[in-house]
């Protein structure tokens, strides 16, 4: 897994660069099937949670 994550292409997972079936729901499905990517997403989400006014609902 890359040390730096760049969210610049919704058609690819930012953690492993795998092409997603669809952006959005496809990303969520991908996370459910790939524990390393899910862990990366959870770490990213915890890092940005304080940056989002009112908290993070996603």
N, C-alpha and C. Protein backbone atom coordinates (compact mmCIF):
# COMPACT_ATOMS: atom_id res chain seq x y z
N UNK A 1 0.85 -1.18 0.00
CA UNK A 1 0.00 0.00 0.00
C UNK A 1 0.90 1.24 0.00
N UNK A 2 0.54 2.21 -0.80
CA UNK A 2 1.33 3.43 -0.92
C UNK A 2 1.25 4.25 0.36
N UNK A 3 2.36 4.91 0.68
CA UNK A 3 2.40 5.76 1.86
C UNK A 3 1.54 7.01 1.67
N UNK A 4 1.46 7.49 0.44
CA UNK A 4 0.67 8.67 0.13
C UNK A 4 -0.50 8.25 -0.75
N UNK A 5 -1.68 8.71 -0.40
CA UNK A 5 -2.87 8.38 -1.17
C UNK A 5 -3.34 9.62 -1.91
N UNK A 6 -3.55 9.48 -3.21
CA UNK A 6 -4.03 10.58 -4.04
C UNK A 6 -5.38 10.19 -4.60
N UNK A 7 -6.38 10.99 -4.29
CA UNK A 7 -7.75 10.74 -4.75
C UNK A 7 -8.00 11.56 -6.00
N UNK A 8 -7.45 11.13 -7.13
CA UNK A 8 -7.60 11.92 -8.34
C UNK A 8 -8.30 11.18 -9.47
N UNK A 9 -8.74 9.95 -9.25
CA UNK A 9 -9.40 9.17 -10.29
C UNK A 9 -10.47 8.30 -9.64
N UNK A 10 -11.75 8.64 -9.77
CA UNK A 10 -12.80 7.88 -9.11
C UNK A 10 -12.99 6.48 -9.68
N UNK A 11 -12.32 6.18 -10.78
CA UNK A 11 -12.46 4.86 -11.40
C UNK A 11 -11.43 3.86 -10.88
N UNK A 12 -10.54 4.31 -10.01
CA UNK A 12 -9.50 3.44 -9.45
C UNK A 12 -9.42 3.62 -7.94
N UNK A 13 -9.15 2.55 -7.23
CA UNK A 13 -8.96 2.62 -5.79
C UNK A 13 -7.70 3.43 -5.49
N UNK A 14 -7.79 4.43 -4.63
CA UNK A 14 -6.61 5.24 -4.32
C UNK A 14 -5.58 4.51 -3.47
N UNK A 15 -5.93 3.35 -2.95
CA UNK A 15 -5.02 2.61 -2.08
C UNK A 15 -4.24 1.53 -2.82
N UNK A 16 -4.85 0.91 -3.85
CA UNK A 16 -4.16 -0.16 -4.57
C UNK A 16 -4.15 0.06 -6.08
N UNK A 17 -4.85 1.10 -6.54
CA UNK A 17 -4.92 1.46 -7.97
C UNK A 17 -5.71 0.47 -8.82
N UNK A 18 -6.44 -0.45 -8.19
CA UNK A 18 -7.27 -1.38 -8.94
C UNK A 18 -8.41 -0.62 -9.61
N UNK A 19 -8.71 -0.96 -10.86
CA UNK A 19 -9.84 -0.34 -11.54
C UNK A 19 -11.13 -0.82 -10.89
N UNK A 20 -12.01 0.11 -10.58
CA UNK A 20 -13.27 -0.20 -9.93
C UNK A 20 -14.35 -0.46 -10.97
N UNK A 21 -15.28 -1.35 -10.63
CA UNK A 21 -16.39 -1.63 -11.53
C UNK A 21 -17.19 -0.36 -11.81
N UNK A 22 -17.46 0.40 -10.74
CA UNK A 22 -18.12 1.70 -10.85
C UNK A 22 -17.58 2.58 -9.73
N UNK A 23 -17.53 3.90 -9.94
CA UNK A 23 -17.16 4.78 -8.83
C UNK A 23 -18.28 4.77 -7.79
N UNK A 24 -18.00 5.19 -6.61
CA UNK A 24 -19.03 5.25 -5.55
C UNK A 24 -19.32 3.89 -4.97
N UNK A 25 -20.42 3.29 -5.40
CA UNK A 25 -20.81 1.98 -4.87
C UNK A 25 -19.75 0.92 -5.16
N UNK A 26 -19.10 1.02 -6.30
CA UNK A 26 -18.03 0.09 -6.63
C UNK A 26 -16.85 0.20 -5.68
N UNK A 27 -16.58 1.41 -5.22
CA UNK A 27 -15.51 1.62 -4.24
C UNK A 27 -15.88 0.98 -2.92
N UNK A 28 -17.11 1.15 -2.49
CA UNK A 28 -17.58 0.55 -1.23
C UNK A 28 -17.50 -0.97 -1.33
N UNK A 29 -17.94 -1.54 -2.44
CA UNK A 29 -17.85 -2.99 -2.64
C UNK A 29 -16.40 -3.45 -2.60
N UNK A 30 -15.53 -2.69 -3.25
CA UNK A 30 -14.10 -3.01 -3.28
C UNK A 30 -13.51 -3.03 -1.87
N UNK A 31 -13.89 -2.04 -1.05
CA UNK A 31 -13.39 -2.02 0.32
C UNK A 31 -13.83 -3.26 1.08
N UNK A 32 -15.07 -3.69 0.88
CA UNK A 32 -15.58 -4.87 1.56
C UNK A 32 -14.87 -6.15 1.17
N UNK A 33 -14.24 -6.15 0.01
CA UNK A 33 -13.55 -7.34 -0.49
C UNK A 33 -12.04 -7.27 -0.32
N UNK A 34 -11.52 -6.13 0.12
CA UNK A 34 -10.07 -5.93 0.22
C UNK A 34 -9.72 -5.29 1.56
N UNK A 35 -9.39 -6.11 2.55
CA UNK A 35 -9.12 -5.59 3.90
C UNK A 35 -8.00 -4.54 3.97
N UNK A 36 -6.97 -4.66 3.14
CA UNK A 36 -5.89 -3.67 3.18
C UNK A 36 -6.40 -2.30 2.73
N UNK A 37 -7.26 -2.28 1.70
CA UNK A 37 -7.82 -1.02 1.23
C UNK A 37 -8.80 -0.47 2.26
N UNK A 38 -9.58 -1.34 2.87
CA UNK A 38 -10.52 -0.89 3.91
C UNK A 38 -9.77 -0.28 5.08
N UNK A 39 -8.66 -0.91 5.49
CA UNK A 39 -7.84 -0.35 6.57
C UNK A 39 -7.27 1.01 6.17
N UNK A 40 -6.83 1.13 4.92
CA UNK A 40 -6.31 2.40 4.43
C UNK A 40 -7.38 3.48 4.43
N UNK A 41 -8.60 3.11 4.03
CA UNK A 41 -9.70 4.07 4.02
C UNK A 41 -10.04 4.51 5.44
N UNK A 42 -10.10 3.56 6.37
CA UNK A 42 -10.42 3.91 7.76
C UNK A 42 -9.35 4.84 8.34
N UNK A 43 -8.09 4.59 8.02
CA UNK A 43 -7.01 5.46 8.50
C UNK A 43 -7.15 6.85 7.88
N UNK A 44 -7.45 6.91 6.58
CA UNK A 44 -7.65 8.20 5.90
C UNK A 44 -8.82 8.94 6.54
N UNK A 45 -9.93 8.22 6.75
CA UNK A 45 -11.13 8.85 7.31
C UNK A 45 -10.86 9.40 8.70
N UNK A 46 -10.12 8.67 9.52
CA UNK A 46 -9.84 9.16 10.87
C UNK A 46 -8.93 10.39 10.82
N UNK A 47 -8.06 10.46 9.80
CA UNK A 47 -7.18 11.62 9.67
C UNK A 47 -7.92 12.87 9.22
N UNK A 48 -8.96 12.72 8.41
CA UNK A 48 -9.66 13.90 7.90
C UNK A 48 -10.91 14.24 8.70
N UNK A 49 -11.31 13.38 9.63
CA UNK A 49 -12.55 13.59 10.39
C UNK A 49 -12.58 14.96 11.07
N UNK A 50 -11.47 15.41 11.60
CA UNK A 50 -11.42 16.71 12.26
C UNK A 50 -11.45 17.88 11.30
N UNK A 51 -11.19 17.61 10.02
CA UNK A 51 -11.19 18.66 9.00
C UNK A 51 -12.58 18.94 8.44
N UNK A 52 -13.53 18.06 8.71
CA UNK A 52 -14.88 18.18 8.15
C UNK A 52 -15.80 18.78 9.21
N UNK A 53 -16.30 19.99 8.97
CA UNK A 53 -17.19 20.61 9.94
C UNK A 53 -18.43 19.74 10.21
N UNK A 54 -18.75 19.53 11.44
CA UNK A 54 -19.91 18.72 11.79
C UNK A 54 -19.64 17.23 11.77
N UNK A 55 -18.42 16.82 11.49
CA UNK A 55 -18.07 15.40 11.48
C UNK A 55 -18.23 14.77 10.12
N UNK A 56 -17.92 13.50 10.07
CA UNK A 56 -17.93 12.73 8.84
C UNK A 56 -19.00 11.67 8.94
N UNK A 57 -19.97 11.70 8.05
CA UNK A 57 -21.06 10.73 8.13
C UNK A 57 -20.79 9.50 7.27
N UNK A 58 -19.83 9.59 6.33
CA UNK A 58 -19.59 8.48 5.41
C UNK A 58 -18.69 7.52 5.98
